[in-house]
Protein backbone atom coordinates (compact mmCIF):
# COMPACT_ATOMS: atom_id res chain seq x y z
CA MET A 1 -38.41 -40.65 -19.29
CA SER A 2 -41.35 -42.05 -21.16
CA GLY A 3 -45.08 -41.62 -21.47
CA LEU A 4 -45.06 -37.81 -21.55
CA LEU A 5 -48.12 -36.55 -23.41
CA GLY A 6 -47.22 -35.38 -26.89
CA ARG A 7 -43.51 -36.11 -26.54
CA PRO A 8 -41.29 -39.04 -27.54
CA ASP A 9 -39.38 -41.05 -24.96
CA MET A 10 -36.19 -39.38 -23.73
CA VAL A 11 -32.87 -40.80 -22.52
CA PHE A 12 -30.53 -38.51 -20.57
CA VAL A 13 -26.80 -39.11 -21.04
CA TYR A 14 -24.17 -37.98 -18.53
CA ASP A 15 -21.16 -39.77 -20.00
CA ALA A 16 -18.82 -37.77 -22.26
CA ASP A 17 -17.49 -40.97 -23.90
CA GLU A 18 -21.01 -41.96 -24.97
CA ILE A 19 -21.74 -38.46 -26.22
CA GLU A 20 -18.59 -38.59 -28.32
CA LYS A 21 -19.62 -41.94 -29.83
CA ILE A 22 -23.02 -40.57 -30.81
CA PHE A 23 -21.53 -37.47 -32.40
CA ARG A 24 -18.81 -39.42 -34.21
CA GLN A 25 -21.32 -41.70 -35.89
CA GLU A 26 -23.99 -39.14 -36.73
CA GLU A 27 -25.42 -39.36 -40.20
CA LYS A 28 -25.59 -36.84 -43.04
CA MET A 29 -28.80 -35.26 -41.74
CA PRO A 30 -28.90 -35.62 -37.93
CA PHE A 31 -32.13 -34.80 -36.15
CA ARG A 32 -32.13 -32.61 -33.07
CA PRO A 33 -35.08 -32.84 -30.68
CA SER A 34 -37.69 -30.99 -32.69
CA MET A 35 -39.44 -27.71 -31.88
CA PRO A 36 -42.99 -28.39 -33.09
CA SER A 37 -44.19 -24.90 -32.19
CA LEU A 38 -41.56 -23.15 -34.33
CA ASN A 39 -41.93 -25.75 -37.04
CA TYR A 40 -45.66 -24.98 -37.13
CA TYR A 41 -44.97 -21.25 -37.35
CA LYS A 42 -42.55 -21.65 -40.25
CA HIS A 43 -44.33 -24.36 -42.21
CA VAL A 44 -48.00 -23.58 -41.55
CA LEU A 45 -48.61 -20.02 -40.32
CA ARG A 46 -45.92 -18.42 -42.51
CA LYS A 47 -45.67 -21.06 -45.19
CA ASP A 48 -46.27 -18.44 -47.89
CA PHE A 49 -42.94 -16.82 -47.01
CA PHE A 50 -40.70 -19.72 -46.02
CA GLU A 51 -41.97 -22.34 -48.49
CA ASP A 52 -39.11 -24.84 -48.89
CA CYS A 53 -36.45 -22.46 -47.49
CA ALA A 54 -37.06 -22.36 -43.73
CA GLY A 55 -33.52 -21.97 -42.39
CA VAL A 56 -31.82 -24.27 -39.90
CA ILE A 57 -33.79 -23.78 -36.68
CA ALA A 58 -36.57 -26.33 -36.13
CA VAL A 59 -35.90 -27.70 -39.63
CA HIS A 60 -34.72 -31.21 -40.51
CA GLY A 61 -34.10 -33.48 -43.47
CA GLU A 62 -33.32 -32.38 -47.00
CA SER A 63 -34.58 -28.82 -46.46
CA TRP A 64 -32.19 -28.34 -43.52
CA TYR A 65 -29.28 -30.00 -45.32
CA THR A 66 -29.69 -27.91 -48.48
CA PHE A 67 -29.87 -24.64 -46.55
CA ARG A 68 -26.98 -25.49 -44.21
CA SER A 69 -24.77 -26.64 -47.09
CA LYS A 70 -25.22 -23.32 -48.86
CA VAL A 71 -24.46 -21.04 -45.91
CA GLN A 72 -21.99 -22.88 -43.69
CA GLN A 73 -18.92 -22.09 -45.78
CA VAL A 74 -19.51 -18.39 -45.16
CA MET A 75 -20.66 -18.80 -41.56
CA LEU A 76 -18.13 -21.24 -40.13
CA GLN A 77 -14.81 -20.17 -41.64
CA PRO A 78 -12.77 -18.36 -38.95
CA ARG A 79 -11.09 -16.17 -41.58
CA THR A 80 -14.50 -14.88 -42.69
CA ALA A 81 -15.51 -13.94 -39.15
CA ARG A 82 -12.20 -12.11 -38.64
CA MET A 83 -13.11 -9.73 -41.47
CA TYR A 84 -15.76 -8.23 -39.18
CA THR A 85 -13.40 -7.35 -36.33
CA GLY A 86 -13.64 -3.64 -37.10
CA ALA A 87 -17.43 -3.58 -37.28
CA ILE A 88 -17.78 -5.48 -34.01
CA ASP A 89 -15.20 -3.24 -32.35
CA GLU A 90 -17.24 -0.19 -33.38
CA ALA A 91 -20.35 -1.67 -31.76
CA SER A 92 -18.30 -2.43 -28.64
CA SER A 93 -17.06 1.18 -28.53
CA ALA A 94 -20.65 2.38 -28.65
CA PHE A 95 -21.41 0.02 -25.77
CA LEU A 96 -18.56 1.47 -23.68
CA LYS A 97 -19.93 4.97 -24.24
CA ARG A 98 -23.34 3.72 -23.15
CA VAL A 99 -21.86 2.21 -19.97
CA SER A 100 -20.22 5.54 -19.14
CA LYS A 101 -23.56 7.34 -19.50
CA ILE A 102 -25.76 4.99 -17.49
CA ARG A 103 -23.52 4.60 -14.42
CA ASP A 104 -24.69 6.25 -11.20
CA GLU A 105 -22.61 8.27 -8.72
CA ASN A 106 -21.12 5.02 -7.39
CA LYS A 107 -20.09 4.03 -10.91
CA GLU A 108 -22.66 1.21 -10.88
CA VAL A 109 -24.80 0.32 -13.85
CA PRO A 110 -28.58 -0.10 -13.42
CA ALA A 111 -30.15 -3.35 -12.24
CA ASN A 112 -31.42 -4.07 -15.78
CA PHE A 113 -27.91 -3.95 -17.24
CA LEU A 114 -28.52 -7.23 -19.08
CA ASN A 115 -30.94 -5.37 -21.34
CA GLU A 116 -28.15 -2.97 -22.28
CA ILE A 117 -26.00 -5.96 -23.23
CA HIS A 118 -28.91 -7.19 -25.37
CA LYS A 119 -28.78 -3.86 -27.22
CA TRP A 120 -25.07 -4.28 -27.90
CA SER A 121 -25.65 -7.81 -29.17
CA LEU A 122 -28.40 -6.66 -31.54
CA GLU A 123 -26.24 -3.81 -32.81
CA SER A 124 -23.37 -6.22 -33.47
CA ILE A 125 -25.55 -8.71 -35.35
CA ALA A 126 -27.07 -5.99 -37.51
CA ARG A 127 -23.62 -4.66 -38.41
CA VAL A 128 -22.26 -8.09 -39.32
CA ALA A 129 -25.30 -9.59 -41.03
CA LEU A 130 -26.66 -6.56 -42.86
CA ASP A 131 -24.09 -3.75 -42.49
CA VAL A 132 -26.81 -1.72 -40.79
CA ARG A 133 -26.26 0.71 -37.92
CA LEU A 134 -29.39 0.46 -35.81
CA GLY A 135 -28.27 2.92 -33.13
CA CYS A 136 -29.50 0.62 -30.35
CA LEU A 137 -27.11 2.21 -27.86
CA ASP A 138 -27.93 5.83 -28.71
CA ASP A 139 -29.91 7.98 -26.29
CA ASP A 140 -32.61 8.37 -28.93
CA ALA A 141 -32.67 4.69 -29.98
CA HIS A 142 -35.72 3.60 -31.94
CA VAL A 143 -38.51 1.96 -29.94
CA GLU A 144 -38.59 -0.93 -32.40
CA THR A 145 -35.15 -2.18 -31.32
CA GLN A 146 -36.38 -2.65 -27.75
CA GLU A 147 -39.53 -4.27 -29.10
CA LEU A 148 -37.35 -6.76 -30.97
CA ILE A 149 -35.32 -7.55 -27.84
CA ASP A 150 -38.51 -8.04 -25.83
CA ALA A 151 -39.90 -10.29 -28.56
CA VAL A 152 -36.79 -12.49 -28.54
CA ILE A 153 -37.07 -12.88 -24.75
CA VAL A 154 -40.76 -13.82 -25.05
CA PHE A 155 -39.92 -16.31 -27.79
CA PHE A 156 -37.33 -18.16 -25.70
CA LYS A 157 -39.40 -18.00 -22.52
CA ASN A 158 -42.55 -19.31 -24.15
CA VAL A 159 -40.95 -21.96 -26.34
CA GLY A 160 -39.97 -23.86 -23.20
CA VAL A 161 -43.56 -23.85 -21.97
CA LEU A 162 -44.95 -24.88 -25.34
CA GLU A 163 -42.44 -27.68 -25.89
CA LEU A 164 -42.05 -29.13 -22.40
CA LYS A 165 -45.51 -28.81 -20.88
CA LEU A 166 -48.82 -30.25 -22.05
CA PRO A 167 -49.20 -29.06 -25.68
CA PHE A 168 -52.62 -27.44 -25.38
CA TRP A 169 -51.60 -25.03 -28.14
CA ARG A 170 -52.07 -27.83 -30.66
CA PHE A 171 -55.80 -27.84 -29.94
CA PHE A 172 -56.61 -24.18 -29.23
CA ASN A 173 -54.88 -20.80 -29.06
CA THR A 174 -53.63 -20.48 -25.50
CA PRO A 175 -52.40 -17.09 -24.17
CA THR A 176 -48.83 -18.45 -24.20
CA TRP A 177 -49.23 -19.49 -27.82
CA ASN A 178 -50.67 -16.12 -28.84
CA ASP A 179 -47.82 -14.26 -27.15
CA TYR A 180 -45.35 -16.62 -28.83
CA VAL A 181 -46.77 -16.04 -32.32
CA ASN A 182 -46.92 -12.27 -31.76
CA ALA A 183 -43.26 -12.32 -30.67
CA LEU A 184 -42.24 -14.29 -33.75
CA ASP A 185 -44.22 -11.91 -35.95
CA THR A 186 -42.33 -8.98 -34.42
CA ILE A 187 -38.97 -10.67 -35.07
CA PHE A 188 -40.09 -11.65 -38.58
CA SER A 189 -41.24 -8.10 -39.41
CA PHE A 190 -38.05 -6.52 -38.07
CA ALA A 191 -35.77 -8.92 -39.92
CA THR A 192 -37.61 -8.65 -43.22
CA LYS A 193 -37.72 -4.85 -43.00
CA TYR A 194 -34.00 -4.40 -42.46
CA THR A 195 -33.08 -7.20 -44.82
CA SER A 196 -35.11 -5.49 -47.55
CA LEU A 197 -33.35 -2.19 -46.81
CA ALA A 198 -29.99 -3.94 -47.00
CA LEU A 199 -30.91 -5.62 -50.28
CA SER A 200 -32.00 -2.29 -51.78
CA ARG A 201 -28.52 -0.83 -51.34
CA VAL A 202 -26.31 -3.83 -52.10
CA LYS A 203 -22.79 -2.62 -52.74
CA ASP A 204 -20.29 -3.69 -55.35
CA LEU A 205 -19.99 -7.40 -54.61
CA SER A 206 -16.48 -7.49 -56.02
CA ASN A 207 -15.13 -5.72 -52.89
CA ASN A 208 -14.90 -8.86 -50.82
CA GLU A 209 -13.45 -7.18 -47.72
CA GLU A 210 -16.45 -4.95 -47.03
CA LEU A 211 -19.37 -7.27 -47.67
CA SER A 212 -22.02 -8.02 -45.08
CA LEU A 213 -22.97 -11.64 -44.47
CA LEU A 214 -26.11 -11.09 -46.51
CA GLU A 215 -24.02 -9.82 -49.42
CA ARG A 216 -21.59 -12.72 -49.14
CA ILE A 217 -24.48 -15.17 -49.43
CA LEU A 218 -25.81 -13.24 -52.43
CA LEU A 219 -22.40 -13.32 -54.07
CA GLN A 220 -22.13 -17.07 -53.54
CA GLU A 221 -25.69 -18.26 -54.12
CA LYS A 222 -27.52 -15.43 -55.95
CA ASP A 223 -30.53 -16.23 -53.72
CA THR A 224 -32.22 -13.35 -51.87
CA LYS A 225 -34.63 -15.69 -50.05
CA LEU A 226 -31.74 -17.74 -48.66
CA ALA A 227 -29.97 -14.60 -47.45
CA SER A 228 -33.15 -13.21 -45.89
CA VAL A 229 -33.97 -16.38 -43.98
CA LEU A 230 -30.41 -16.62 -42.67
CA ALA A 231 -30.68 -13.06 -41.36
CA LEU A 232 -33.96 -13.94 -39.66
CA ASP A 233 -32.43 -16.96 -37.92
CA LEU A 234 -29.50 -14.85 -36.74
CA PHE A 235 -31.83 -12.28 -35.17
CA LEU A 236 -33.93 -15.06 -33.67
CA VAL A 237 -31.20 -16.91 -31.77
CA GLY A 238 -28.13 -14.67 -31.88
CA ILE A 239 -29.14 -11.88 -29.49
CA ASP A 240 -30.03 -13.45 -26.15
CA THR A 241 -27.49 -16.25 -26.35
CA THR A 242 -24.48 -13.99 -26.94
CA SER A 243 -25.51 -11.31 -24.47
CA SER A 244 -26.16 -13.87 -21.72
CA SER A 245 -22.66 -15.23 -22.28
CA VAL A 246 -21.17 -11.74 -21.97
CA ALA A 247 -23.15 -11.09 -18.78
CA SER A 248 -21.79 -14.28 -17.23
CA VAL A 249 -18.19 -13.53 -18.17
CA LEU A 250 -18.40 -10.00 -16.76
CA TYR A 251 -19.97 -11.25 -13.55
CA GLN A 252 -17.34 -13.96 -13.08
CA LEU A 253 -14.48 -11.52 -13.68
CA ALA A 254 -15.99 -9.10 -11.18
CA GLN A 255 -16.21 -11.96 -8.68
CA HIS A 256 -12.56 -12.95 -9.24
CA PRO A 257 -10.38 -9.81 -9.23
CA ASP A 258 -7.17 -11.85 -9.31
CA LYS A 259 -8.19 -13.47 -12.61
CA GLN A 260 -9.37 -10.11 -13.92
CA GLN A 261 -5.93 -8.63 -13.19
CA VAL A 262 -4.17 -11.40 -15.12
CA LEU A 263 -6.49 -10.72 -18.05
CA TYR A 264 -5.88 -6.97 -17.86
CA GLU A 265 -2.14 -7.48 -18.00
CA GLU A 266 -2.50 -9.67 -21.08
CA LEU A 267 -4.70 -7.09 -22.78
CA SER A 268 -2.28 -4.28 -21.93
CA LYS A 269 0.51 -6.13 -23.75
CA ASN A 270 -1.43 -7.09 -26.87
CA LEU A 271 -4.17 -4.56 -27.64
CA PRO A 272 -3.89 -1.10 -29.17
CA LYS A 273 -5.07 1.86 -27.09
CA ILE A 274 -8.79 2.14 -26.49
CA ASP A 275 -9.12 5.00 -29.00
CA GLU A 276 -7.25 3.09 -31.72
CA SER A 277 -8.84 0.61 -34.09
CA LEU A 278 -8.67 -3.07 -33.30
CA GLN A 279 -7.40 -5.47 -35.95
CA ALA A 280 -7.92 -9.23 -36.14
CA HIS A 281 -4.26 -10.00 -35.48
CA HIS A 282 -4.46 -8.21 -32.12
CA LEU A 283 -6.66 -11.05 -30.87
CA ASP A 284 -4.29 -13.87 -31.81
CA HIS A 285 -2.29 -13.85 -28.58
CA LEU A 286 -5.13 -13.38 -26.09
CA ARG A 287 -4.90 -16.88 -24.65
CA TYR A 288 -6.08 -15.94 -21.18
CA LEU A 289 -9.09 -14.06 -22.55
CA ARG A 290 -10.17 -17.15 -24.47
CA ALA A 291 -9.57 -19.23 -21.34
CA CYS A 292 -11.79 -16.95 -19.23
CA ILE A 293 -14.60 -17.24 -21.78
CA LYS A 294 -14.26 -21.03 -22.03
CA GLU A 295 -14.21 -21.44 -18.27
CA THR A 296 -17.33 -19.30 -17.85
CA LEU A 297 -19.20 -21.26 -20.52
CA ARG A 298 -18.06 -24.51 -18.91
CA MET A 299 -19.51 -23.54 -15.53
CA PHE A 300 -22.50 -21.62 -16.86
CA PRO A 301 -23.33 -22.75 -20.41
CA VAL A 302 -26.02 -20.54 -21.91
CA VAL A 303 -27.80 -23.65 -23.24
CA ILE A 304 -27.59 -26.32 -20.56
CA GLY A 305 -28.30 -29.31 -22.80
CA ASN A 306 -28.33 -30.54 -26.37
CA GLY A 307 -29.36 -33.74 -28.02
CA ARG A 308 -30.25 -35.90 -30.95
CA CYS A 309 -33.35 -37.75 -32.01
CA MET A 310 -32.24 -41.25 -32.91
CA THR A 311 -32.94 -42.13 -36.54
CA LYS A 312 -31.83 -45.75 -36.04
CA ASP A 313 -31.45 -48.18 -33.16
CA THR A 314 -28.32 -47.22 -31.21
CA VAL A 315 -26.40 -48.84 -28.36
CA ILE A 316 -25.62 -46.41 -25.52
CA SER A 317 -23.77 -47.67 -22.43
CA GLY A 318 -24.74 -51.22 -23.33
CA TYR A 319 -28.45 -50.48 -23.77
CA ARG A 320 -30.33 -50.54 -27.05
CA VAL A 321 -32.02 -47.18 -27.61
CA PRO A 322 -34.69 -47.51 -30.32
CA SER A 323 -35.12 -45.22 -33.28
CA GLY A 324 -37.32 -42.22 -32.48
CA VAL A 325 -36.09 -41.79 -28.90
CA GLN A 326 -34.65 -38.39 -28.00
CA VAL A 327 -31.18 -38.61 -26.45
CA VAL A 328 -30.45 -35.54 -24.31
CA PHE A 329 -26.86 -34.58 -23.51
CA GLN A 330 -26.70 -32.93 -20.09
CA HIS A 331 -23.81 -30.58 -20.81
CA TYR A 332 -24.26 -28.43 -17.71
CA VAL A 333 -24.09 -31.42 -15.37
CA ILE A 334 -21.17 -33.02 -17.20
CA SER A 335 -19.04 -29.88 -17.39
CA ASN A 336 -19.56 -29.24 -13.68
CA THR A 337 -18.41 -32.70 -12.59
CA ASP A 338 -15.02 -33.29 -10.96
CA LYS A 339 -14.65 -36.46 -13.03
CA TYR A 340 -14.07 -34.30 -16.09
CA PHE A 341 -12.91 -31.03 -14.53
CA PRO A 342 -11.11 -31.33 -11.16
CA LYS A 343 -12.26 -28.61 -8.76
CA SER A 344 -15.16 -28.06 -11.12
CA GLY A 345 -16.83 -25.59 -8.76
CA GLU A 346 -13.90 -23.17 -8.98
CA PHE A 347 -13.39 -20.54 -11.67
CA LEU A 348 -10.00 -21.60 -13.05
CA PRO A 349 -9.33 -20.21 -16.54
CA GLU A 350 -5.82 -21.65 -16.29
CA ARG A 351 -7.20 -25.12 -16.93
CA TRP A 352 -7.73 -24.13 -20.58
CA LEU A 353 -4.16 -23.04 -21.24
CA CYS A 354 -1.98 -25.32 -23.32
CA ASP A 355 0.69 -25.63 -20.64
CA HIS A 356 -1.81 -26.81 -18.01
CA ASN A 357 -1.19 -30.44 -17.10
CA ALA A 358 -4.74 -31.63 -16.37
CA PRO A 359 -6.18 -33.58 -19.33
CA ARG A 360 -9.59 -32.51 -20.65
CA HIS A 361 -12.22 -34.58 -22.37
CA ALA A 362 -13.04 -32.88 -25.67
CA PHE A 363 -16.76 -33.68 -25.30
CA ALA A 364 -17.21 -32.71 -21.64
CA SER A 365 -17.89 -29.04 -22.42
CA LEU A 366 -19.69 -28.19 -25.66
CA PRO A 367 -21.31 -24.75 -25.27
CA PHE A 368 -21.80 -24.44 -29.04
CA GLY A 369 -22.69 -28.06 -29.71
CA TYR A 370 -20.75 -30.26 -32.10
CA GLY A 371 -20.93 -31.87 -35.48
CA ARG A 372 -23.16 -31.15 -38.43
CA ARG A 373 -25.64 -29.19 -36.30
CA MET A 374 -23.10 -27.17 -34.36
CA CYS A 375 -24.15 -23.56 -33.76
CA LEU A 376 -24.01 -21.90 -37.17
CA GLY A 377 -23.11 -18.50 -35.70
CA ARG A 378 -20.35 -19.82 -33.43
CA ARG A 379 -17.42 -18.01 -35.06
CA PHE A 380 -19.18 -14.65 -34.91
CA ALA A 381 -20.44 -15.18 -31.35
CA GLU A 382 -16.93 -16.05 -30.17
CA LEU A 383 -15.52 -12.96 -31.88
CA GLU A 384 -18.21 -10.64 -30.49
CA ILE A 385 -17.75 -11.94 -26.94
CA ALA A 386 -13.96 -11.70 -27.08
CA ILE A 387 -13.89 -8.15 -28.44
CA VAL A 388 -16.43 -6.63 -26.07
CA ILE A 389 -14.91 -8.31 -23.00
CA ALA A 390 -11.43 -7.21 -24.06
CA ARG A 391 -12.49 -3.61 -24.58
CA ILE A 392 -14.39 -3.48 -21.27
CA ILE A 393 -11.53 -4.88 -19.17
CA GLN A 394 -9.08 -2.66 -21.02
CA SER A 395 -11.10 0.39 -19.96
CA TYR A 396 -12.65 -0.55 -16.62
CA LYS A 397 -11.99 -2.53 -13.48
CA LEU A 398 -15.11 -4.54 -12.69
CA GLU A 399 -16.44 -4.89 -9.15
CA TYR A 400 -19.52 -6.44 -7.58
CA HIS A 401 -20.52 -5.61 -4.00
CA TYR A 402 -23.70 -7.56 -3.35
CA GLU A 403 -24.72 -11.10 -2.45
CA ASN A 404 -23.82 -13.75 -4.98
CA LEU A 405 -26.32 -14.18 -7.77
CA ASP A 406 -27.86 -17.56 -8.46
CA TYR A 407 -28.24 -18.73 -12.04
CA TYR A 408 -31.55 -19.59 -13.62
CA ILE A 409 -33.09 -20.33 -16.99
CA ASN A 410 -34.98 -17.25 -18.16
CA PRO A 411 -34.71 -18.02 -21.01
CA MET A 412 -30.94 -18.59 -21.21
CA TYR A 413 -28.88 -19.83 -18.28
CA THR A 414 -27.88 -16.48 -16.84
CA PRO A 415 -27.32 -14.65 -13.52
CA ASN A 416 -30.61 -14.19 -11.66
CA GLY A 417 -31.06 -10.75 -10.19
CA PRO A 418 -29.84 -7.17 -10.63
CA LEU A 419 -26.53 -7.19 -12.46
CA LYS A 420 -25.32 -4.06 -10.64
CA LEU A 421 -21.71 -4.20 -11.68
CA ARG A 422 -19.38 -1.36 -10.79
CA PHE A 423 -17.27 -0.02 -13.67
CA VAL A 424 -14.21 1.83 -12.36
CA GLU A 425 -12.05 3.65 -14.92
CA ARG A 426 -8.48 2.46 -15.26
CA ASN A 427 -5.70 5.03 -15.24
């Protein structure tokens, strides 16, 4: 696609082999397709705060590389994420209590159940990043937590309009642009408020087991700005993405009771009782749980595409793609193609088990991206999703008694319609 006003030429790639080649040869500072609207917010509207430390989202070059290099050791080590199993399990327990309260006489949750999952996701992030209990799932939850969730939804919804349609916002303040900036201001204010509170009560940094992510960054880098911006990025992109993934997994398990039963049997063998604390080692043998999550994200990836902006001329499928062209990887299309996943339209978690015979292309399903710009919060997202799904299926049998839901992008790729799941207690 070429000639789009205000956008570079784009090449769409549907070949996993070509995607692998591009990732394998990526340079020290790969460029993703840029987000000019967020870049403008960080580097123009709020330049006085971000200065030369603007995080990893919508940031490229030396600034991105310096920031990423300083935080990725903490963020991407699986053993670090596992230290937060208890905190995430506590947030999941609060979510289960919330589910019990909001069910109706038919044991169904309200149509806006996705918003409740958003609350759980926010509570989990706050516990991990700042060691803050927001109380999002309490009956008397603060209004500001819902305002933050609403702001994140507006951000994702409007960024698509600003980036993919005619960029009128560059010339005058459109209503979409104004809503977008107001949403970012809300997220910015929330993150800075709670980060400041967390910084004011920093614990003994020598107790490595109980540190929040913010404290771990402080211990390593002695840089409060770096820690604050990381927290902001986590609030910005870590709520809606994780909760949409959880919604999809729950919906798919409700749609496939036979798979749900296999998962329940695995959980019954490996997890402590619901009223006992969960430890990291309890998750080590949950192969089928991980398979259910992978299969859901294969069929319904929260982000349907990824890409790179070529920084040098590159040959793709025999064609020379010039520097400056955006190469878009169509992950949703690829991972739902029989060429890469036989019977791709069927929910088959078994295909992800080690003893399954069908070969899989390592680059045909990449829900968290790959390489130097892989999702920075991947380890924590995977842990959060696994724990909350495990605890739900351990406690409830999921059912769904309505017409199948379509999926749509609003703003993540998620079930479209009332998520009126039925939660039936297990004996």
